[in-house]
Amino acid sequence: MLRERDLELQGVQRHTAAKPGPELLTFLHNLQRDRDELVDMIVAATGYSVAQVARILDTFLAETASGPVPAAPEQVWSRVLVVLAGNTFVLPLQVLCRCADLPGNLALTLKPASDQATLVAAYAARFPRPVQLVADVPDYNTYDRVVVYGSDATIRALSARVEPARFVPRGHRFAIGVVDVSDGRSRLLQEETLIAAIADDVTLFRQSGCLSLNSLFIGSTKPGGSNEGKEHKPSASSISAAPAPKRSEGWAEQFCARLSEAIAARAEALPFEDQVFACQRRQTALADEQTQVFEHVILTEEPRYLLSRGNLLTVYPFADPERILATLGPLAERVQGIALAPWPETVPAWIARTSASYVCPFGRLQFPPLSWAEDNEPWSAVIGKHVVFSHQGPTPHIATRGA
């Protein structure tokens, strides 16, 4: 059974998880009390359906109340600015929840995106301690810490305005999934629960979150698959690298067709630019002889289709883990989360060669615990004074089977 691995801190304390404290529980109570009002506000701000927003918010509230939270450092920086530049509607809640039970000297300031200003103000009004909201920041260096969630363009722009010692960038990241069909496990691809979980990880936030599922790899995680290095089209034979029972022709295509239907059934209305992207991506893929196209799935081996949006998932066959890493290439350093099926007994070694900071079963990508060390940096190291974070490469949060 995989377990969460401790992240090492030197100087003050180790990174540990704690139970929700009184301020956080009060905040969650206030959010639950005004749940219907907040759902309406989120729908108005985002265009998501009522059912989708209610599902996401209810899950977040329930799991935050029962799940681990970051242990508070003994001392925190007194002036902290968090820039929320066009992120999911749950991110401001995550930031506030992580700060709820921190020492009282913390003065938290949020700079929300203009289209979320009203929504973030509603969150802050229910927070049990003062929070300042700003639209402009004349001098970022008046803050001890400047945590920036946004696009790579936003990160680049602000990096020129913030002293490096104060700057905590949280730029563009994405998630992948891996289904291991070696040793006769191809039956996994017939399971409706797995298909539904994959579709949820794609659609819950319209592929706009740093843990939204962009690409799915199906094959053998055994090193040295027999097809390694060979040219092959994305078909049943190419996905089946390890010895396995014979399957009827087209089983990969059948899986992608069913997955596309599941995504379509859950897909929310998309912003216009995402619709355009998805349409253009499908048109490009249709002209590629090595690629098969479905409404919401592209079955291919071309790395150029790796990053996607618009509820469009790329499915890659692979012969062994080296093929996953080769397909990711430099983007392995942008991987934030990895979903696995079936759930393994030990941590797959190849994951350490990515930057993944969260590993979980399918269906759990969108709901990491607050104690998750985003970008492999625990919140106590971001917010804590005199806390020095030290690690030997990525050390992801490993979810439990039921989490």
Protein backbone atom coordinates (compact mmCIF):
# COMPACT_ATOMS: atom_id res chain seq x y z
CA MET A 1 0.00 0.00 0.00
CA LEU A 2 1.38 3.40 -0.92
CA ARG A 3 1.66 5.88 1.90
CA GLU A 4 2.39 9.59 2.08
CA ARG A 5 6.11 10.17 2.28
CA ASP A 6 7.40 12.81 4.67
CA LEU A 7 9.04 15.88 3.21
CA GLU A 8 12.12 16.94 5.11
CA LEU A 9 12.46 20.38 6.59
CA GLN A 10 15.65 21.65 8.11
CA GLY A 11 15.90 24.51 10.58
CA VAL A 12 12.58 24.59 12.41
CA GLN A 13 10.40 21.54 11.99
CA ARG A 14 9.48 18.65 9.74
CA HIS A 15 6.58 18.93 7.33
CA THR A 16 3.69 17.17 9.02
CA ALA A 17 -0.05 17.04 8.56
CA ALA A 18 -2.47 18.16 11.23
CA LYS A 19 -6.19 18.03 11.86
CA PRO A 20 -8.36 21.06 11.03
CA GLY A 21 -8.24 23.64 13.80
CA PRO A 22 -11.04 25.85 15.21
CA GLU A 23 -10.65 28.73 12.74
CA LEU A 24 -10.71 26.42 9.74
CA LEU A 25 -13.75 24.58 11.07
CA THR A 26 -15.49 27.91 11.57
CA PHE A 27 -14.71 28.91 7.99
CA LEU A 28 -16.01 25.60 6.66
CA HIS A 29 -19.15 25.99 8.76
CA ASN A 30 -19.75 29.47 7.32
CA LEU A 31 -19.27 28.17 3.78
CA GLN A 32 -21.64 25.27 4.39
CA ARG A 33 -24.22 27.59 5.96
CA ASP A 34 -24.22 29.81 2.86
CA ARG A 35 -23.68 26.99 0.41
CA ASP A 36 -26.67 27.70 -1.86
CA GLU A 37 -25.83 31.38 -2.12
CA LEU A 38 -22.22 30.60 -2.94
CA VAL A 39 -23.21 28.05 -5.58
CA ASP A 40 -25.29 30.72 -7.33
CA MET A 41 -22.41 33.20 -7.18
CA ILE A 42 -19.93 30.66 -8.58
CA VAL A 43 -22.29 29.76 -11.41
CA ALA A 44 -22.68 33.44 -12.28
CA ALA A 45 -18.91 34.00 -12.19
CA THR A 46 -17.82 30.89 -14.09
CA GLY A 47 -20.67 29.71 -16.30
CA TYR A 48 -20.51 26.21 -14.80
CA SER A 49 -23.78 24.38 -14.24
CA VAL A 50 -25.42 24.39 -10.81
CA ALA A 51 -24.98 20.61 -10.55
CA GLN A 52 -21.27 20.79 -11.36
CA VAL A 53 -20.56 23.60 -8.92
CA ALA A 54 -22.57 21.96 -6.16
CA ARG A 55 -20.73 18.69 -6.63
CA ILE A 56 -17.29 20.31 -6.54
CA LEU A 57 -18.06 22.57 -3.58
CA ASP A 58 -19.70 19.82 -1.53
CA THR A 59 -16.78 17.47 -2.13
CA PHE A 60 -14.25 20.15 -1.23
CA LEU A 61 -16.03 21.07 2.02
CA ALA A 62 -16.48 17.48 3.13
CA GLU A 63 -12.93 16.39 2.40
CA THR A 64 -11.34 19.50 3.88
CA ALA A 65 -13.26 19.01 7.12
CA SER A 66 -12.04 15.42 7.47
CA GLY A 67 -8.69 15.48 5.69
CA PRO A 68 -5.18 16.49 6.77
CA VAL A 69 -4.11 20.12 6.70
CA PRO A 70 -0.59 21.61 6.78
CA ALA A 71 0.91 21.85 10.24
CA ALA A 72 1.38 25.48 11.21
CA PRO A 73 4.98 26.74 11.47
CA GLU A 74 6.01 28.25 14.77
CA GLN A 75 6.53 31.61 13.03
CA VAL A 76 5.07 32.94 9.80
CA TRP A 77 5.85 35.92 7.64
CA SER A 78 3.63 38.82 8.67
CA ARG A 79 2.88 40.24 5.20
CA VAL A 80 1.85 37.70 2.56
CA LEU A 81 0.34 38.48 -0.83
CA VAL A 82 -1.31 35.76 -2.92
CA VAL A 83 -1.96 36.63 -6.57
CA LEU A 84 -4.84 34.63 -8.06
CA ALA A 85 -4.54 35.28 -11.78
CA GLY A 86 -7.40 33.49 -13.48
CA ASN A 87 -7.54 30.14 -11.68
CA THR A 88 -10.24 27.66 -10.70
CA PHE A 89 -12.90 28.87 -8.27
CA VAL A 90 -11.66 26.41 -5.61
CA LEU A 91 -8.11 27.78 -5.44
CA PRO A 92 -8.97 30.87 -3.34
CA LEU A 93 -10.77 28.56 -0.91
CA GLN A 94 -7.70 26.33 -0.68
CA VAL A 95 -5.48 29.33 0.07
CA LEU A 96 -7.81 30.63 2.77
CA CYS A 97 -8.20 27.21 4.35
CA ARG A 98 -4.43 26.77 4.52
CA CYS A 99 -4.12 30.12 6.30
CA ALA A 100 -7.05 29.78 8.71
CA ASP A 101 -5.18 28.38 11.70
CA LEU A 102 -1.83 30.09 11.19
CA PRO A 103 -0.39 32.38 13.91
CA GLY A 104 -2.23 35.65 14.45
CA ASN A 105 0.55 37.92 13.16
CA LEU A 106 -0.19 36.86 9.57
CA ALA A 107 -1.61 39.70 7.45
CA LEU A 108 -3.01 38.03 4.35
CA THR A 109 -3.68 39.96 1.15
CA LEU A 110 -5.35 38.48 -1.93
CA LYS A 111 -5.20 39.91 -5.44
CA PRO A 112 -7.91 38.08 -7.40
CA ALA A 113 -8.44 38.11 -11.13
CA SER A 114 -10.92 40.82 -12.13
CA ASP A 115 -13.59 38.31 -13.14
CA GLN A 116 -13.37 36.58 -9.74
CA ALA A 117 -13.13 39.66 -7.52
CA THR A 118 -16.74 39.49 -6.34
CA LEU A 119 -16.52 35.77 -5.71
CA VAL A 120 -13.26 36.00 -3.73
CA ALA A 121 -14.77 38.86 -1.70
CA ALA A 122 -17.64 36.54 -0.80
CA TYR A 123 -15.20 33.89 0.36
CA ALA A 124 -13.22 36.44 2.39
CA ALA A 125 -16.39 37.78 4.05
CA ARG A 126 -16.95 34.33 5.53
CA PHE A 127 -13.33 33.91 6.66
CA PRO A 128 -12.99 34.21 10.46
CA ARG A 129 -10.01 36.56 10.34
CA PRO A 130 -9.23 39.75 8.40
CA VAL A 131 -8.26 39.44 4.74
CA GLN A 132 -7.37 42.39 2.55
CA LEU A 133 -8.35 42.36 -1.12
CA VAL A 134 -6.50 44.53 -3.63
CA ALA A 135 -6.91 45.20 -7.33
CA ASP A 136 -3.49 46.80 -7.84
CA VAL A 137 -0.11 46.42 -6.16
CA PRO A 138 2.18 49.44 -6.57
CA ASP A 139 5.17 47.74 -4.94
CA TYR A 140 5.25 43.95 -4.56
CA ASN A 141 8.40 44.13 -2.48
CA THR A 142 6.53 45.57 0.50
CA TYR A 143 5.37 41.98 1.13
CA ASP A 144 7.49 39.31 2.79
CA ARG A 145 6.12 36.63 0.46
CA VAL A 146 4.45 36.99 -2.94
CA VAL A 147 2.78 33.74 -4.00
CA VAL A 148 1.63 33.89 -7.63
CA TYR A 149 -0.81 31.47 -9.21
CA GLY A 150 -1.13 32.11 -12.92
CA SER A 151 0.04 31.48 -16.44
CA ASP A 152 3.69 31.35 -17.39
CA ALA A 153 3.26 34.82 -18.93
CA THR A 154 2.02 36.15 -15.59
CA ILE A 155 4.92 34.51 -13.78
CA ARG A 156 7.44 36.06 -16.18
CA ALA A 157 5.89 39.51 -15.88
CA LEU A 158 5.86 39.51 -12.08
CA SER A 159 9.29 37.93 -11.70
CA ALA A 160 10.73 41.22 -12.97
CA ARG A 161 8.87 43.15 -10.26
CA VAL A 162 9.45 40.92 -7.23
CA GLU A 163 12.75 40.25 -5.50
CA PRO A 164 13.66 36.54 -5.88
CA ALA A 165 13.77 35.91 -2.13
CA ARG A 166 10.12 36.96 -1.82
CA PHE A 167 8.79 35.32 -4.97
CA VAL A 168 6.92 31.99 -4.91
CA PRO A 169 5.75 31.23 -8.48
CA ARG A 170 3.04 28.69 -9.22
CA GLY A 171 2.96 28.58 -13.02
CA HIS A 172 1.36 26.33 -15.61
CA ARG A 173 1.22 22.64 -14.69
CA PHE A 174 -0.78 19.67 -15.87
CA ALA A 175 -1.63 16.07 -14.96
CA ILE A 176 -1.32 12.74 -16.71
CA GLY A 177 -2.85 9.33 -16.14
CA VAL A 178 -1.36 5.85 -16.57
CA VAL A 179 -3.34 2.63 -16.98
CA ASP A 180 -1.18 -0.48 -16.70
CA VAL A 181 -2.64 -3.27 -18.87
CA SER A 182 0.26 -5.69 -18.48
CA ASP A 183 -0.26 -9.16 -16.97
CA GLY A 184 -3.74 -9.52 -18.43
CA ARG A 185 -5.06 -6.30 -16.89
CA SER A 186 -6.68 -5.13 -20.11
CA ARG A 187 -10.04 -5.84 -18.48
CA LEU A 188 -9.52 -2.51 -16.68
CA LEU A 189 -10.41 -0.78 -19.91
CA GLN A 190 -13.85 -2.36 -19.76
CA GLU A 191 -14.66 -1.01 -16.30
CA GLU A 192 -17.26 1.74 -16.35
CA THR A 193 -16.03 3.08 -13.00
CA LEU A 194 -12.56 3.69 -14.43
CA ILE A 195 -13.92 5.36 -17.56
CA ALA A 196 -16.16 7.57 -15.42
CA ALA A 197 -13.27 8.52 -13.11
CA ILE A 198 -11.04 9.44 -16.07
CA ALA A 199 -13.83 11.54 -17.57
CA ASP A 200 -14.28 13.36 -14.25
CA ASP A 201 -10.58 14.20 -14.06
CA VAL A 202 -10.83 15.72 -17.54
CA THR A 203 -14.04 17.70 -17.17
CA LEU A 204 -14.46 18.87 -13.57
CA PHE A 205 -12.58 22.11 -14.23
CA ARG A 206 -12.69 22.10 -18.06
CA GLN A 207 -9.02 21.05 -18.09
CA SER A 208 -8.13 24.48 -16.71
CA GLY A 209 -6.59 23.39 -13.40
CA CYS A 210 -3.01 22.40 -12.70
CA LEU A 211 -4.28 18.90 -11.82
CA SER A 212 -6.63 18.57 -14.78
CA LEU A 213 -6.00 15.44 -16.82
CA ASN A 214 -4.42 16.27 -20.19
CA SER A 215 -2.99 12.97 -21.39
CA LEU A 216 -3.62 9.30 -20.71
CA PHE A 217 -1.00 6.58 -21.22
CA ILE A 218 -2.09 2.97 -21.69
CA GLY A 219 0.41 0.11 -21.82
CA SER A 220 2.89 -1.88 -19.78
CA THR A 221 4.80 -0.39 -16.86
CA LYS A 222 7.24 -3.30 -16.98
CA PRO A 223 10.68 -2.08 -18.15
CA GLY A 224 11.93 -3.34 -21.49
CA GLY A 225 8.66 -3.99 -23.28
CA SER A 226 9.03 -6.00 -26.44
CA ASN A 227 7.92 -3.15 -28.71
CA GLU A 228 10.40 -0.61 -27.36
CA GLY A 229 11.91 1.46 -30.13
CA LYS A 230 9.77 -0.01 -32.91
CA GLU A 231 7.63 2.01 -35.26
CA HIS A 232 3.97 1.27 -34.73
CA LYS A 233 0.57 2.84 -35.13
CA PRO A 234 -1.74 3.43 -32.16
CA SER A 235 -3.59 0.13 -32.23
CA ALA A 236 -4.28 -2.83 -30.02
CA SER A 237 -0.90 -4.37 -30.80
CA SER A 238 1.02 -1.21 -29.96
CA ILE A 239 -0.67 -0.74 -26.60
CA SER A 240 -0.09 -4.37 -25.68
CA ALA A 241 3.65 -4.46 -25.15
CA ALA A 242 3.76 -7.18 -22.50
CA PRO A 243 2.50 -10.71 -23.17
CA ALA A 244 -1.27 -10.83 -22.71
CA PRO A 245 -4.25 -12.75 -24.01
CA LYS A 246 -5.22 -11.97 -27.60
CA ARG A 247 -7.89 -9.31 -28.01
CA SER A 248 -10.26 -8.53 -30.79
CA GLU A 249 -9.05 -5.94 -33.28
CA GLY A 250 -10.05 -2.41 -32.38
CA TRP A 251 -10.22 -2.74 -28.59
CA ALA A 252 -8.15 0.45 -28.17
CA GLU A 253 -10.48 2.31 -30.48
CA GLN A 254 -13.50 0.94 -28.62
CA PHE A 255 -12.05 2.17 -25.33
CA CYS A 256 -11.40 5.65 -26.76
CA ALA A 257 -14.92 5.80 -28.20
CA ARG A 258 -16.46 4.92 -24.84
CA LEU A 259 -14.21 7.37 -23.04
CA SER A 260 -15.14 10.12 -25.50
CA GLU A 261 -18.82 9.46 -24.84
CA ALA A 262 -18.25 9.63 -21.08
CA ILE A 263 -16.44 12.96 -21.43
CA ALA A 264 -19.22 14.31 -23.65
CA ALA A 265 -21.82 13.34 -21.05
CA ARG A 266 -19.98 15.35 -18.36
CA ALA A 267 -18.62 18.25 -20.40
CA GLU A 268 -19.59 21.76 -19.38
CA ALA A 269 -20.02 24.67 -21.77
CA LEU A 270 -16.56 25.92 -22.75
CA PRO A 271 -15.17 29.42 -23.17
CA PHE A 272 -14.98 30.40 -26.84
CA GLU A 273 -11.18 30.22 -27.02
CA ASP A 274 -11.22 26.65 -25.68
CA GLN A 275 -13.83 25.66 -28.24
CA VAL A 276 -11.63 27.07 -30.99
CA PHE A 277 -8.57 25.25 -29.65
CA ALA A 278 -10.37 21.90 -29.51
CA CYS A 279 -11.78 22.33 -33.01
CA GLN A 280 -8.40 23.24 -34.50
CA ARG A 281 -6.67 20.41 -32.64
CA ARG A 282 -9.15 17.87 -34.01
CA GLN A 283 -8.74 19.23 -37.55
CA THR A 284 -4.96 18.93 -37.29
CA ALA A 285 -5.19 15.40 -35.92
CA LEU A 286 -7.60 14.30 -38.68
CA ALA A 287 -4.89 15.06 -41.24
CA ASP A 288 -2.35 12.93 -39.35
CA GLU A 289 -2.23 9.35 -40.62
CA GLN A 290 -0.74 8.13 -37.32
CA THR A 291 -3.64 9.52 -35.29
CA GLN A 292 -7.26 8.56 -34.69
CA VAL A 293 -9.76 11.19 -33.68
CA PHE A 294 -12.91 10.98 -31.59
CA GLU A 295 -15.07 13.84 -30.38
CA HIS A 296 -13.22 14.22 -27.08
CA VAL A 297 -10.25 11.85 -27.48
CA ILE A 298 -7.21 11.76 -29.74
CA LEU A 299 -5.42 8.38 -29.96
CA THR A 300 -1.87 9.03 -31.08
CA GLU A 301 1.86 8.66 -30.45
CA GLU A 302 2.75 12.23 -31.42
CA PRO A 303 4.12 14.30 -28.50
CA ARG A 304 2.84 17.50 -30.14
CA TYR A 305 -0.68 16.62 -28.96
CA LEU A 306 0.44 16.31 -25.33
CA LEU A 307 -0.90 19.56 -23.88
CA SER A 308 -4.59 20.00 -24.50
CA ARG A 309 -7.69 21.79 -23.33
CA GLY A 310 -11.31 22.10 -24.30
CA ASN A 311 -12.28 18.73 -22.75
CA LEU A 312 -10.05 17.00 -25.29
CA LEU A 313 -7.96 14.11 -23.92
CA THR A 314 -4.91 12.67 -25.69
CA VAL A 315 -4.42 8.90 -25.31
CA TYR A 316 -0.93 7.45 -25.85
CA PRO A 317 0.02 3.79 -26.18
CA PHE A 318 3.36 2.91 -24.60
CA ALA A 319 5.64 -0.11 -24.49
CA ASP A 320 7.31 0.61 -21.14
CA PRO A 321 7.83 3.59 -18.81
CA GLU A 322 10.67 4.93 -20.94
CA ARG A 323 8.12 5.63 -23.66
CA ILE A 324 6.09 7.74 -21.23
CA LEU A 325 9.15 9.78 -20.33
CA ALA A 326 10.20 10.10 -23.96
CA THR A 327 6.76 11.38 -24.92
CA LEU A 328 6.77 13.91 -22.08
CA GLY A 329 10.27 15.10 -22.89
CA PRO A 330 11.01 18.47 -21.24
CA LEU A 331 7.38 18.68 -20.13
CA ALA A 332 8.12 16.02 -17.52
CA GLU A 333 9.24 19.01 -15.44
CA ARG A 334 5.72 20.46 -15.69
CA VAL A 335 3.81 17.42 -14.50
CA GLN A 336 1.94 18.24 -11.29
CA GLY A 337 -0.17 15.13 -10.75
CA ILE A 338 -0.30 11.51 -11.89
CA ALA A 339 -3.31 9.21 -11.65
CA LEU A 340 -2.69 5.45 -11.67
CA ALA A 341 -4.73 2.33 -12.37
CA PRO A 342 -4.59 -0.25 -11.01
CA TRP A 343 -3.39 1.15 -7.69
CA PRO A 344 0.15 -0.25 -7.21
CA GLU A 345 1.74 -1.71 -4.11
CA THR A 346 4.93 0.32 -4.49
CA VAL A 347 5.76 3.72 -5.93
CA PRO A 348 6.64 3.31 -9.64
CA ALA A 349 10.28 4.31 -10.01
CA TRP A 350 9.76 6.32 -13.20
CA ILE A 351 7.60 8.86 -11.34
CA ALA A 352 10.73 10.20 -9.64
CA ARG A 353 11.91 11.35 -13.08
CA THR A 354 8.99 13.75 -13.35
CA SER A 355 8.14 16.76 -11.21
CA ALA A 356 4.89 15.22 -9.97
CA SER A 357 3.90 16.34 -6.49
CA TYR A 358 0.63 14.41 -6.22
CA VAL A 359 -0.04 10.75 -7.08
CA CYS A 360 -3.53 9.31 -6.69
CA PRO A 361 -6.14 6.95 -8.13
CA PHE A 362 -8.24 8.17 -11.05
CA GLY A 363 -11.13 10.35 -9.96
CA ARG A 364 -9.05 11.97 -7.19
CA LEU A 365 -6.87 14.36 -9.16
CA GLN A 366 -9.08 17.40 -8.57
CA PHE A 367 -9.26 17.02 -4.79
CA PRO A 368 -5.78 16.89 -3.22
CA PRO A 369 -5.61 17.35 0.55
CA LEU A 370 -4.62 20.75 1.91
CA SER A 371 -1.43 19.12 3.22
CA TRP A 372 -0.32 18.44 -0.36
CA ALA A 373 3.09 20.02 -1.03
CA GLU A 374 2.32 21.82 -4.27
CA ASP A 375 5.29 21.96 -6.65
CA ASN A 376 7.04 19.76 -4.05
CA GLU A 377 7.19 22.67 -1.61
CA PRO A 378 5.08 22.35 1.56
CA TRP A 379 2.92 25.29 2.58
CA SER A 380 4.87 25.57 5.84
CA ALA A 381 7.99 26.36 3.81
CA VAL A 382 6.12 28.97 1.75
CA ILE A 383 4.53 30.75 4.67
CA GLY A 384 6.91 29.86 7.50
CA LYS A 385 9.65 32.11 8.73
CA HIS A 386 13.09 30.52 9.01
CA VAL A 387 11.85 27.27 7.47
CA VAL A 388 14.25 25.86 4.89
CA PHE A 389 12.95 23.17 2.58
CA SER A 390 15.38 20.54 1.38
CA HIS A 391 14.67 17.54 -0.82
CA GLN A 392 16.44 15.25 -3.23
CA GLY A 393 14.24 15.65 -6.29
CA PRO A 394 10.43 15.43 -6.36
CA THR A 395 8.76 13.78 -3.39
CA PRO A 396 5.06 13.56 -4.22
CA HIS A 397 2.12 13.26 -1.91
CA ILE A 398 0.92 9.68 -2.28
CA ALA A 399 -2.79 9.24 -1.77
CA THR A 400 -4.17 6.17 -0.06
CA ARG A 401 -6.37 3.79 -1.99
CA GLY A 402 -9.54 5.19 -0.51
CA ALA A 403 -8.47 8.84 -0.52
